Amino acid sequence: MSLPYYIVNAFTDLPFGGNPAAVMPLDQWLPDHQLQALAAQHNLSETAFFVPVAASTFELRWFTPVEEVPLCGHATLATAHVLLRELQVSAETLSFQTRFRGSASRATAR
């Protein structure tokens, strides 16, 4: 199985600056132990995993190398970057559904 991933440095426009996060797009959820193993392999403070729900709505989860976390701002911004800039999602607003923090967070494209 081949799974693409992106390393995004949030809060900077300089290489190797800011706050790095791995971002992994998925077609469907993998078992939690596999998500955890992938995050451990990336060995960054957070890895964001997302699955599409609708045209501009995505389920989003965050893992550190040792556990799932309820919220991660910089990895959410990194996910929005990947969707808009790398995967060319054409949307004015992205919605993220998360497990621990309400039904949706929103990011607006600029």
PDB file of N, CA and C in Angstrom:
ATOM      1  N   MET A   1       0.842  -1.169   0.000  1.00  0.00           N
ATOM      2  CA  MET A   1       0.000   0.000   0.000  1.00  0.00           C
ATOM      3  C   MET A   1       0.892   1.238   0.000  1.00  0.00           C
ATOM      4  N   SER A   2       0.549   2.193  -0.823  1.00  0.00           N
ATOM      5  CA  SER A   2       1.286   3.445  -0.908  1.00  0.00           C
ATOM      6  C   SER A   2       0.406   4.574  -0.381  1.00  0.00           C
ATOM      7  N   LEU A   3       0.903   5.294   0.614  1.00  0.00           N
ATOM      8  CA  LEU A   3       0.161   6.407   1.205  1.00  0.00           C
ATOM      9  C   LEU A   3       0.976   7.690   1.075  1.00  0.00           C
ATOM     10  N   PRO A   4       0.459   8.673   0.333  1.00  0.00           N
ATOM     11  CA  PRO A   4       1.194   9.936   0.226  1.00  0.00           C
ATOM     12  C   PRO A   4       1.145  10.698   1.545  1.00  0.00           C
ATOM     13  N   TYR A   5       2.143  11.530   1.763  1.00  0.00           N
ATOM     14  CA  TYR A   5       2.121  12.429   2.915  1.00  0.00           C
ATOM     15  C   TYR A   5       2.911  13.680   2.574  1.00  0.00           C
ATOM     16  N   TYR A   6       2.643  14.717   3.332  1.00  0.00           N
ATOM     17  CA  TYR A   6       3.272  16.015   3.138  1.00  0.00           C
ATOM     18  C   TYR A   6       3.832  16.464   4.481  1.00  0.00           C
ATOM     19  N   ILE A   7       4.965  17.128   4.447  1.00  0.00           N
ATOM     20  CA  ILE A   7       5.507  17.797   5.629  1.00  0.00           C
ATOM     21  C   ILE A   7       5.355  19.299   5.372  1.00  0.00           C
ATOM     22  N   VAL A   8       4.607  19.965   6.251  1.00  0.00           N
ATOM     23  CA  VAL A   8       4.319  21.385   6.082  1.00  0.00           C
ATOM     24  C   VAL A   8       4.830  22.138   7.302  1.00  0.00           C
ATOM     25  N   ASN A   9       5.557  23.211   7.064  1.00  0.00           N
ATOM     26  CA  ASN A   9       6.018  24.082   8.142  1.00  0.00           C
ATOM     27  C   ASN A   9       5.026  25.231   8.295  1.00  0.00           C
ATOM     28  N   ALA A  10       4.221  25.172   9.338  1.00  0.00           N
ATOM     29  CA  ALA A  10       3.214  26.209   9.582  1.00  0.00           C
ATOM     30  C   ALA A  10       3.869  27.424  10.225  1.00  0.00           C
ATOM     31  N   PHE A  11       3.260  28.574  10.049  1.00  0.00           N
ATOM     32  CA  PHE A  11       3.671  29.826  10.674  1.00  0.00           C
ATOM     33  C   PHE A  11       5.002  30.358  10.149  1.00  0.00           C
ATOM     34  N   THR A  12       5.361  30.028   8.919  1.00  0.00           N
ATOM     35  CA  THR A  12       6.592  30.548   8.339  1.00  0.00           C
ATOM     36  C   THR A  12       6.510  30.488   6.817  1.00  0.00           C
ATOM     37  N   ASP A  13       7.362  31.242   6.173  1.00  0.00           N
ATOM     38  CA  ASP A  13       7.536  31.105   4.737  1.00  0.00           C
ATOM     39  C   ASP A  13       8.982  30.732   4.418  1.00  0.00           C
ATOM     40  N   LEU A  14       9.731  30.342   5.443  1.00  0.00           N
ATOM     41  CA  LEU A  14      11.131  29.956   5.277  1.00  0.00           C
ATOM     42  C   LEU A  14      11.291  28.445   5.409  1.00  0.00           C
ATOM     43  N   PRO A  15      12.171  27.841   4.594  1.00  0.00           N
ATOM     44  CA  PRO A  15      12.434  26.412   4.747  1.00  0.00           C
ATOM     45  C   PRO A  15      12.975  26.112   6.151  1.00  0.00           C
ATOM     46  N   PHE A  16      12.548  25.025   6.709  1.00  0.00           N
ATOM     47  CA  PHE A  16      12.996  24.531   8.018  1.00  0.00           C
ATOM     48  C   PHE A  16      12.633  25.463   9.172  1.00  0.00           C
ATOM     49  N   GLY A  17      11.694  26.357   8.955  1.00  0.00           N
ATOM     50  CA  GLY A  17      11.239  27.246  10.013  1.00  0.00           C
ATOM     51  C   GLY A  17       9.860  26.847  10.476  1.00  0.00           C
ATOM     52  N   GLY A  18       9.313  27.635  11.364  1.00  0.00           N
ATOM     53  CA  GLY A  18       7.941  27.427  11.806  1.00  0.00           C
ATOM     54  C   GLY A  18       7.740  26.181  12.629  1.00  0.00           C
ATOM     55  N   ASN A  19       6.559  25.609  12.501  1.00  0.00           N
ATOM     56  CA  ASN A  19       6.158  24.457  13.292  1.00  0.00           C
ATOM     57  C   ASN A  19       5.758  23.341  12.323  1.00  0.00           C
ATOM     58  N   PRO A  20       6.580  22.305  12.165  1.00  0.00           N
ATOM     59  CA  PRO A  20       6.297  21.278  11.169  1.00  0.00           C
ATOM     60  C   PRO A  20       5.213  20.302  11.612  1.00  0.00           C
ATOM     61  N   ALA A  21       4.445  19.843  10.637  1.00  0.00           N
ATOM     62  CA  ALA A  21       3.448  18.796  10.846  1.00  0.00           C
ATOM     63  C   ALA A  21       3.421  17.918   9.603  1.00  0.00           C
ATOM     64  N   ALA A  22       3.192  16.632   9.815  1.00  0.00           N
ATOM     65  CA  ALA A  22       2.938  15.737   8.690  1.00  0.00           C
ATOM     66  C   ALA A  22       1.437  15.756   8.420  1.00  0.00           C
ATOM     67  N   VAL A  23       1.077  15.653   7.154  1.00  0.00           N
ATOM     68  CA  VAL A  23      -0.333  15.619   6.754  1.00  0.00           C
ATOM     69  C   VAL A  23      -0.506  14.433   5.814  1.00  0.00           C
ATOM     70  N   MET A  24      -1.461  13.568   6.144  1.00  0.00           N
ATOM     71  CA  MET A  24      -1.709  12.377   5.329  1.00  0.00           C
ATOM     72  C   MET A  24      -3.163  12.322   4.875  1.00  0.00           C
ATOM     73  N   PRO A  25      -3.403  12.489   3.574  1.00  0.00           N
ATOM     74  CA  PRO A  25      -4.749  12.291   3.051  1.00  0.00           C
ATOM     75  C   PRO A  25      -5.060  10.794   2.969  1.00  0.00           C
ATOM     76  N   LEU A  26      -6.263  10.424   3.357  1.00  0.00           N
ATOM     77  CA  LEU A  26      -6.714   9.036   3.280  1.00  0.00           C
ATOM     78  C   LEU A  26      -8.051   8.985   2.550  1.00  0.00           C
ATOM     79  N   ASP A  27      -8.311   7.883   1.866  1.00  0.00           N
ATOM     80  CA  ASP A  27      -9.618   7.677   1.243  1.00  0.00           C
ATOM     81  C   ASP A  27     -10.635   7.196   2.269  1.00  0.00           C
ATOM     82  N   GLN A  28     -10.141   6.438   3.250  1.00  0.00           N
ATOM     83  CA  GLN A  28     -10.972   5.937   4.341  1.00  0.00           C
ATOM     84  C   GLN A  28     -10.070   5.743   5.553  1.00  0.00           C
ATOM     85  N   TRP A  29     -10.683   5.664   6.715  1.00  0.00           N
ATOM     86  CA  TRP A  29      -9.895   5.546   7.940  1.00  0.00           C
ATOM     87  C   TRP A  29      -9.199   4.199   8.035  1.00  0.00           C
ATOM     88  N   LEU A  30      -7.953   4.253   8.446  1.00  0.00           N
ATOM     89  CA  LEU A  30      -7.194   3.054   8.804  1.00  0.00           C
ATOM     90  C   LEU A  30      -7.465   2.761  10.272  1.00  0.00           C
ATOM     91  N   PRO A  31      -7.164   1.555  10.731  1.00  0.00           N
ATOM     92  CA  PRO A  31      -7.303   1.271  12.163  1.00  0.00           C
ATOM     93  C   PRO A  31      -6.415   2.213  12.984  1.00  0.00           C
ATOM     94  N   ASP A  32      -6.858   2.535  14.183  1.00  0.00           N
ATOM     95  CA  ASP A  32      -6.124   3.475  15.044  1.00  0.00           C
ATOM     96  C   ASP A  32      -4.669   3.070  15.243  1.00  0.00           C
ATOM     97  N   HIS A  33      -4.393   1.781  15.395  1.00  0.00           N
ATOM     98  CA  HIS A  33      -3.006   1.370  15.630  1.00  0.00           C
ATOM     99  C   HIS A  33      -2.120   1.669  14.416  1.00  0.00           C
ATOM    100  N   GLN A  34      -2.694   1.637  13.216  1.00  0.00           N
ATOM    101  CA  GLN A  34      -1.910   1.995  12.034  1.00  0.00           C
ATOM    102  C   GLN A  34      -1.682   3.504  11.951  1.00  0.00           C
ATOM    103  N   LEU A  35      -2.701   4.287  12.306  1.00  0.00           N
ATOM    104  CA  LEU A  35      -2.518   5.741  12.341  1.00  0.00           C
ATOM    105  C   LEU A  35      -1.429   6.103  13.343  1.00  0.00           C
ATOM    106  N   GLN A  36      -1.475   5.457  14.496  1.00  0.00           N
ATOM    107  CA  GLN A  36      -0.469   5.726  15.532  1.00  0.00           C
ATOM    108  C   GLN A  36       0.926   5.332  15.059  1.00  0.00           C
ATOM    109  N   ALA A  37       1.038   4.201  14.386  1.00  0.00           N
ATOM    110  CA  ALA A  37       2.342   3.754  13.881  1.00  0.00           C
ATOM    111  C   ALA A  37       2.877   4.716  12.821  1.00  0.00           C
ATOM    112  N   LEU A  38       2.009   5.218  11.963  1.00  0.00           N
ATOM    113  CA  LEU A  38       2.444   6.192  10.956  1.00  0.00           C
ATOM    114  C   LEU A  38       2.924   7.478  11.612  1.00  0.00           C
ATOM    115  N   ALA A  39       2.198   7.958  12.612  1.00  0.00           N
ATOM    116  CA  ALA A  39       2.617   9.175  13.319  1.00  0.00           C
ATOM    117  C   ALA A  39       3.957   8.955  14.009  1.00  0.00           C
ATOM    118  N   ALA A  40       4.148   7.794  14.596  1.00  0.00           N
ATOM    119  CA  ALA A  40       5.433   7.489  15.240  1.00  0.00           C
ATOM    120  C   ALA A  40       6.558   7.469  14.202  1.00  0.00           C
ATOM    121  N   GLN A  41       6.269   6.930  13.027  1.00  0.00           N
ATOM    122  CA  GLN A  41       7.271   6.890  11.955  1.00  0.00           C
ATOM    123  C   GLN A  41       7.648   8.294  11.498  1.00  0.00           C
ATOM    124  N   HIS A  42       6.671   9.211  11.406  1.00  0.00           N
ATOM    125  CA  HIS A  42       6.972  10.587  11.007  1.00  0.00           C
ATOM    126  C   HIS A  42       7.799  11.300  12.069  1.00  0.00           C
ATOM    127  N   ASN A  43       7.551  10.973  13.335  1.00  0.00           N
ATOM    128  CA  ASN A  43       8.321  11.509  14.461  1.00  0.00           C
ATOM    129  C   ASN A  43       8.329  13.043  14.502  1.00  0.00           C
ATOM    130  N   LEU A  44       7.189  13.634  14.171  1.00  0.00           N
ATOM    131  CA  LEU A  44       7.000  15.074  14.328  1.00  0.00           C
ATOM    132  C   LEU A  44       6.035  15.286  15.484  1.00  0.00           C
ATOM    133  N   SER A  45       5.911  16.513  15.948  1.00  0.00           N
ATOM    134  CA  SER A  45       5.037  16.743  17.098  1.00  0.00           C
ATOM    135  C   SER A  45       3.611  16.294  16.811  1.00  0.00           C
ATOM    136  N   GLU A  46       3.112  16.485  15.562  1.00  0.00           N
ATOM    137  CA  GLU A  46       1.791  15.992  15.183  1.00  0.00           C
ATOM    138  C   GLU A  46       1.773  15.544  13.732  1.00  0.00           C
ATOM    139  N   THR A  47       0.930  14.546  13.505  1.00  0.00           N
ATOM    140  CA  THR A  47       0.566  14.131  12.153  1.00  0.00           C
ATOM    141  C   THR A  47      -0.941  14.275  12.046  1.00  0.00           C
ATOM    142  N   ALA A  48      -1.394  14.959  11.016  1.00  0.00           N
ATOM    143  CA  ALA A  48      -2.823  15.117  10.755  1.00  0.00           C
ATOM    144  C   ALA A  48      -3.237  14.123   9.682  1.00  0.00           C
ATOM    145  N   PHE A  49      -4.341  13.434   9.926  1.00  0.00           N
ATOM    146  CA  PHE A  49      -4.930  12.521   8.965  1.00  0.00           C
ATOM    147  C   PHE A  49      -6.303  13.058   8.600  1.00  0.00           C
ATOM    148  N   PHE A  50      -6.644  13.033   7.320  1.00  0.00           N
ATOM    149  CA  PHE A  50      -7.986  13.480   6.951  1.00  0.00           C
ATOM    150  C   PHE A  50      -8.602  12.553   5.913  1.00  0.00           C
ATOM    151  N   VAL A  51      -9.949  12.500   5.962  1.00  0.00           N
ATOM    152  CA  VAL A  51     -10.755  11.705   5.040  1.00  0.00           C
ATOM    153  C   VAL A  51     -11.854  12.616   4.505  1.00  0.00           C
ATOM    154  N   PRO A  52     -12.070  12.641   3.185  1.00  0.00           N
ATOM    155  CA  PRO A  52     -13.139  13.482   2.643  1.00  0.00           C
ATOM    156  C   PRO A  52     -14.520  12.967   3.044  1.00  0.00           C
ATOM    157  N   VAL A  53     -15.406  13.919   3.339  1.00  0.00           N
ATOM    158  CA  VAL A  53     -16.801  13.610   3.661  1.00  0.00           C
ATOM    159  C   VAL A  53     -17.709  14.144   2.557  1.00  0.00           C
ATOM    160  N   ALA A  54     -17.426  15.337   2.088  1.00  0.00           N
ATOM    161  CA  ALA A  54     -18.173  15.987   1.003  1.00  0.00           C
ATOM    162  C   ALA A  54     -17.172  16.852   0.234  1.00  0.00           C
ATOM    163  N   ALA A  55     -17.651  17.647  -0.700  1.00  0.00           N
ATOM    164  CA  ALA A  55     -16.773  18.423  -1.580  1.00  0.00           C
ATOM    165  C   ALA A  55     -15.736  19.254  -0.826  1.00  0.00           C
ATOM    166  N   SER A  56     -16.122  19.927   0.239  1.00  0.00           N
ATOM    167  CA  SER A  56     -15.162  20.754   0.986  1.00  0.00           C
ATOM    168  C   SER A  56     -15.222  20.466   2.487  1.00  0.00           C
ATOM    169  N   THR A  57     -15.659  19.267   2.843  1.00  0.00           N
ATOM    170  CA  THR A  57     -15.750  18.857   4.243  1.00  0.00           C
ATOM    171  C   THR A  57     -14.910  17.606   4.450  1.00  0.00           C
ATOM    172  N   PHE A  58     -14.140  17.610   5.540  1.00  0.00           N
ATOM    173  CA  PHE A  58     -13.204  16.528   5.805  1.00  0.00           C
ATOM    174  C   PHE A  58     -13.238  16.152   7.277  1.00  0.00           C
ATOM    175  N   GLU A  59     -13.176  14.863   7.562  1.00  0.00           N
ATOM    176  CA  GLU A  59     -12.937  14.420   8.927  1.00  0.00           C
ATOM    177  C   GLU A  59     -11.445  14.575   9.176  1.00  0.00           C
ATOM    178  N   LEU A  60     -11.080  14.995  10.377  1.00  0.00           N
ATOM    179  CA  LEU A  60      -9.693  15.316  10.690  1.00  0.00           C
ATOM    180  C   LEU A  60      -9.335  14.778  12.072  1.00  0.00           C
ATOM    181  N   ARG A  61      -8.187  14.113  12.146  1.00  0.00           N
ATOM    182  CA  ARG A  61      -7.672  13.609  13.422  1.00  0.00           C
ATOM    183  C   ARG A  61      -6.183  13.916  13.507  1.00  0.00           C
ATOM    184  N   TRP A  62      -5.675  14.070  14.739  1.00  0.00           N
ATOM    185  CA  TRP A  62      -4.272  14.407  14.980  1.00  0.00           C
ATOM    186  C   TRP A  62      -3.643  13.396  15.922  1.00  0.00           C
ATOM    187  N   PHE A  63      -2.427  12.971  15.591  1.00  0.00           N
ATOM    188  CA  PHE A  63      -1.678  12.040  16.428  1.00  0.00           C
ATOM    189  C   PHE A  63      -0.273  12.573  16.668  1.00  0.00           C
ATOM    190  N   THR A  64       0.212  12.439  17.902  1.00  0.00           N
ATOM    191  CA  THR A  64       1.620  12.648  18.208  1.00  0.00           C
ATOM    192  C   THR A  64       2.304  11.298  17.978  1.00  0.00           C
ATOM    193  N   PRO A  65       3.607  11.202  18.171  1.00  0.00           N
ATOM    194  CA  PRO A  65       4.243   9.890  18.052  1.00  0.00           C
ATOM    195  C   PRO A  65       3.756   8.865  19.093  1.00  0.00           C
ATOM    196  N   VAL A  66       3.068   9.321  20.152  1.00  0.00           N
ATOM    197  CA  VAL A  66       2.652   8.370  21.196  1.00  0.00           C
ATOM    198  C   VAL A  66       1.155   8.307  21.468  1.00  0.00           C
ATOM    199  N   GLU A  67       0.359   9.293  20.987  1.00  0.00           N
ATOM    200  CA  GLU A  67      -1.072   9.260  21.290  1.00  0.00           C
ATOM    201  C   GLU A  67      -1.861  10.167  20.347  1.00  0.00           C
ATOM    202  N   GLU A  68      -3.180   9.915  20.288  1.00  0.00           N
ATOM    203  CA  GLU A  68      -4.077  10.820  19.584  1.00  0.00           C
ATOM    204  C   GLU A  68      -4.339  12.015  20.489  1.00  0.00           C
ATOM    205  N   VAL A  69      -4.405  13.209  19.907  1.00  0.00           N
ATOM    206  CA  VAL A  69      -4.666  14.419  20.682  1.00  0.00           C
ATOM    207  C   VAL A  69      -5.994  15.040  20.239  1.00  0.00           C
ATOM    208  N   PRO A  70      -6.644  15.783  21.143  1.00  0.00           N
ATOM    209  CA  PRO A  70      -7.966  16.313  20.829  1.00  0.00           C
ATOM    210  C   PRO A  70      -7.974  17.519  19.900  1.00  0.00           C
ATOM    211  N   LEU A  71      -6.850  18.211  19.766  1.00  0.00           N
ATOM    212  CA  LEU A  71      -6.820  19.424  18.955  1.00  0.00           C
ATOM    213  C   LEU A  71      -5.373  19.774  18.626  1.00  0.00           C
ATOM    214  N   CYS A  72      -5.155  20.271  17.412  1.00  0.00           N
ATOM    215  CA  CYS A  72      -3.825  20.756  17.042  1.00  0.00           C
ATOM    216  C   CYS A  72      -3.966  21.830  15.973  1.00  0.00           C
ATOM    217  N   GLY A  73      -3.713  23.067  16.361  1.00  0.00           N
ATOM    218  CA  GLY A  73      -3.881  24.202  15.465  1.00  0.00           C
ATOM    219  C   GLY A  73      -2.951  24.192  14.269  1.00  0.00           C
ATOM    220  N   HIS A  74      -1.643  24.007  14.509  1.00  0.00           N
ATOM    221  CA  HIS A  74      -0.717  24.109  13.382  1.00  0.00           C
ATOM    222  C   HIS A  74      -0.905  22.965  12.390  1.00  0.00           C
ATOM    223  N   ALA A  75      -1.285  21.785  12.857  1.00  0.00           N
ATOM    224  CA  ALA A  75      -1.530  20.679  11.927  1.00  0.00           C
ATOM    225  C   ALA A  75      -2.842  20.885  11.158  1.00  0.00           C
ATOM    226  N   THR A  76      -3.801  21.601  11.747  1.00  0.00           N
ATOM    227  CA  THR A  76      -5.029  21.945  11.029  1.00  0.00           C
ATOM    228  C   THR A  76      -4.711  22.924   9.903  1.00  0.00           C
ATOM    229  N   LEU A  77      -3.907  23.935  10.205  1.00  0.00           N
ATOM    230  CA  LEU A  77      -3.491  24.880   9.161  1.00  0.00           C
ATOM    231  C   LEU A  77      -2.686  24.179   8.074  1.00  0.00           C
ATOM    232  N   ALA A  78      -1.829  23.255   8.466  1.00  0.00           N
ATOM    233  CA  ALA A  78      -1.050  22.493   7.491  1.00  0.00           C
ATOM    234  C   ALA A  78      -1.973  21.666   6.594  1.00  0.00           C
ATOM    235  N   THR A  79      -3.018  21.093   7.171  1.00  0.00           N
ATOM    236  CA  THR A  79      -3.986  20.321   6.382  1.00  0.00           C
ATOM    237  C   THR A  79      -4.692  21.216   5.373  1.00  0.00           C
ATOM    238  N   ALA A  80      -5.121  22.397   5.803  1.00  0.00           N
ATOM    239  CA  ALA A  80      -5.764  23.338   4.880  1.00  0.00           C
ATOM    240  C   ALA A  80      -4.815  23.702   3.739  1.00  0.00           C
ATOM    241  N   HIS A  81      -3.548  23.915   4.055  1.00  0.00           N
ATOM    242  CA  HIS A  81      -2.554  24.214   3.018  1.00  0.00           C
ATOM    243  C   HIS A  81      -2.469  23.076   2.002  1.00  0.00           C
ATOM    244  N   VAL A  82      -2.371  21.850   2.484  1.00  0.00           N
ATOM    245  CA  VAL A  82      -2.272  20.704   1.578  1.00  0.00           C
ATOM    246  C   VAL A  82      -3.505  20.611   0.685  1.00  0.00           C
ATOM    247  N   LEU A  83      -4.680  20.761   1.277  1.00  0.00           N
ATOM    248  CA  LEU A  83      -5.911  20.670   0.490  1.00  0.00           C
ATOM    249  C   LEU A  83      -5.981  21.751  -0.582  1.00  0.00           C
ATOM    250  N   LEU A  84      -5.686  22.985  -0.212  1.00  0.00           N
ATOM    251  CA  LEU A  84      -5.835  24.104  -1.143  1.00  0.00           C
ATOM    252  C   LEU A  84      -4.685  24.228  -2.135  1.00  0.00           C
ATOM    253  N   ARG A  85      -3.468  24.066  -1.662  1.00  0.00           N
ATOM    254  CA  ARG A  85      -2.303  24.339  -2.514  1.00  0.00           C
ATOM    255  C   ARG A  85      -1.736  23.094  -3.203  1.00  0.00           C
ATOM    256  N   GLU A  86      -1.716  21.980  -2.518  1.00  0.00           N
ATOM    257  CA  GLU A  86      -1.113  20.769  -3.087  1.00  0.00           C
ATOM    258  C   GLU A  86      -2.131  19.906  -3.825  1.00  0.00           C
ATOM    259  N   LEU A  87      -3.333  19.757  -3.257  1.00  0.00           N
ATOM    260  CA  LEU A  87      -4.348  18.893  -3.854  1.00  0.00           C
ATOM    261  C   LEU A  87      -5.368  19.676  -4.677  1.00  0.00           C
ATOM    262  N   GLN A  88      -5.200  20.997  -4.719  1.00  0.00           N
ATOM    263  CA  GLN A  88      -6.012  21.869  -5.570  1.00  0.00           C
ATOM    264  C   GLN A  88      -7.515  21.748  -5.306  1.00  0.00           C
ATOM    265  N   VAL A  89      -7.908  21.578  -4.050  1.00  0.00           N
ATOM    266  CA  VAL A  89      -9.326  21.598  -3.706  1.00  0.00           C
ATOM    267  C   VAL A  89      -9.834  23.011  -3.956  1.00  0.00           C
ATOM    268  N   SER A  90     -10.869  23.123  -4.735  1.00  0.00           N
ATOM    269  CA  SER A  90     -11.420  24.428  -5.081  1.00  0.00           C
ATOM    270  C   SER A  90     -12.604  24.719  -4.164  1.00  0.00           C
ATOM    271  N   ALA A  91     -12.330  25.467  -3.104  1.00  0.00           N
ATOM    272  CA  ALA A  91     -13.382  25.804  -2.146  1.00  0.00           C
ATOM    273  C   ALA A  91     -13.034  27.118  -1.481  1.00  0.00           C
ATOM    274  N   GLU A  92     -14.026  27.917  -1.228  1.00  0.00           N
ATOM    275  CA  GLU A  92     -13.799  29.164  -0.510  1.00  0.00           C
ATOM    276  C   GLU A  92     -13.664  28.907   0.983  1.00  0.00           C
ATOM    277  N   THR A  93     -14.367  27.875   1.469  1.00  0.00           N
ATOM    278  CA  THR A  93     -14.317  27.507   2.879  1.00  0.00           C
ATOM    279  C   THR A  93     -14.143  26.003   3.002  1.00  0.00           C
ATOM    280  N   LEU A  94     -13.251  25.580   3.873  1.00  0.00           N
ATOM    281  CA  LEU A  94     -13.085  24.168   4.202  1.00  0.00           C
ATOM    282  C   LEU A  94     -13.717  23.920   5.566  1.00  0.00           C
ATOM    283  N   SER A  95     -14.367  22.784   5.722  1.00  0.00           N
ATOM    284  CA  SER A  95     -14.925  22.405   7.021  1.00  0.00           C
ATOM    285  C   SER A  95     -14.252  21.123   7.489  1.00  0.00           C
ATOM    286  N   PHE A  96     -13.881  21.107   8.762  1.00  0.00           N
ATOM    287  CA  PHE A  96     -13.259  19.935   9.366  1.00  0.00           C
ATOM    288  C   PHE A  96     -14.145  19.407  10.486  1.00  0.00           C
ATOM    289  N   GLN A  97     -14.465  18.134  10.403  1.00  0.00           N
ATOM    290  CA  GLN A  97     -15.200  17.467  11.467  1.00  0.00           C
ATOM    291  C   GLN A  97     -14.186  16.720  12.318  1.00  0.00           C
ATOM    292  N   THR A  98     -14.219  16.959  13.609  1.00  0.00           N
ATOM    293  CA  THR A  98     -13.247  16.356  14.516  1.00  0.00           C
ATOM    294  C   THR A  98     -13.954  15.531  15.578  1.00  0.00           C
ATOM    295  N   ARG A  99     -13.222  14.660  16.210  1.00  0.00           N
ATOM    296  CA  ARG A  99     -13.801  13.747  17.199  1.00  0.00           C
ATOM    297  C   ARG A  99     -14.039  14.401  18.556  1.00  0.00           C
ATOM    298  N   PHE A 100     -13.203  15.327  18.948  1.00  0.00           N
ATOM    299  CA  PHE A 100     -13.213  15.832  20.315  1.00  0.00           C
ATOM    300  C   PHE A 100     -13.643  17.280  20.460  1.00  0.00           C
ATOM    301  N   ARG A 101     -13.678  18.044  19.406  1.00  0.00           N
ATOM    302  CA  ARG A 101     -13.904  19.486  19.508  1.00  0.00           C
ATOM    303  C   ARG A 101     -15.093  19.952  18.682  1.00  0.00           C
ATOM    304  N   GLY A 102     -16.260  19.403  18.907  1.00  0.00           N
ATOM    305  CA  GLY A 102     -17.439  19.872  18.195  1.00  0.00           C
ATOM    306  C   GLY A 102     -17.561  19.260  16.822  1.00  0.00           C
ATOM    307  N   SER A 103     -18.572  19.682  16.106  1.00  0.00           N
ATOM    308  CA  SER A 103     -18.889  19.052  14.835  1.00  0.00           C
ATOM    309  C   SER A 103     -18.069  19.599  13.673  1.00  0.00           C
ATOM    310  N   ALA A 104     -17.610  20.844  13.743  1.00  0.00           N
ATOM    311  CA  ALA A 104     -16.864  21.371  12.595  1.00  0.00           C
ATOM    312  C   ALA A 104     -16.030  22.576  12.990  1.00  0.00           C
ATOM    313  N   SER A 105     -14.885  22.666  12.380  1.00  0.00           N
ATOM    314  CA  SER A 105     -14.048  23.860  12.415  1.00  0.00           C
ATOM    315  C   SER A 105     -14.011  24.367  10.989  1.00  0.00           C
ATOM    316  N   ARG A 106     -13.789  25.635  10.800  1.00  0.00           N
ATOM    317  CA  ARG A 106     -13.777  26.167   9.432  1.00  0.00           C
ATOM    318  C   ARG A 106     -12.475  26.918   9.164  1.00  0.00           C
ATOM    319  N   ALA A 107     -11.988  26.755   7.949  1.00  0.00           N
ATOM    320  CA  ALA A 107     -10.832  27.509   7.476  1.00  0.00           C
ATOM    321  C   ALA A 107     -11.233  28.148   6.162  1.00  0.00           C
ATOM    322  N   THR A 108     -10.992  29.423   6.005  1.00  0.00           N
ATOM    323  CA  THR A 108     -11.357  30.132   4.781  1.00  0.00           C
ATOM    324  C   THR A 108     -10.119  30.344   3.922  1.00  0.00           C
ATOM    325  N   ALA A 109     -10.233  30.016   2.654  1.00  0.00           N
ATOM    326  CA  ALA A 109      -9.118  30.175   1.719  1.00  0.00           C
ATOM    327  C   ALA A 109      -8.878  31.639   1.430  1.00  0.00           C
ATOM    328  N   ARG A 110      -7.623  32.000   1.320  1.00  0.00           N
ATOM    329  CA  ARG A 110      -7.251  33.375   0.966  1.00  0.00           C
ATOM    330  C   ARG A 110      -6.238  33.342  -0.149  1.00  0.00           C
TER     331      ARG A 110
END
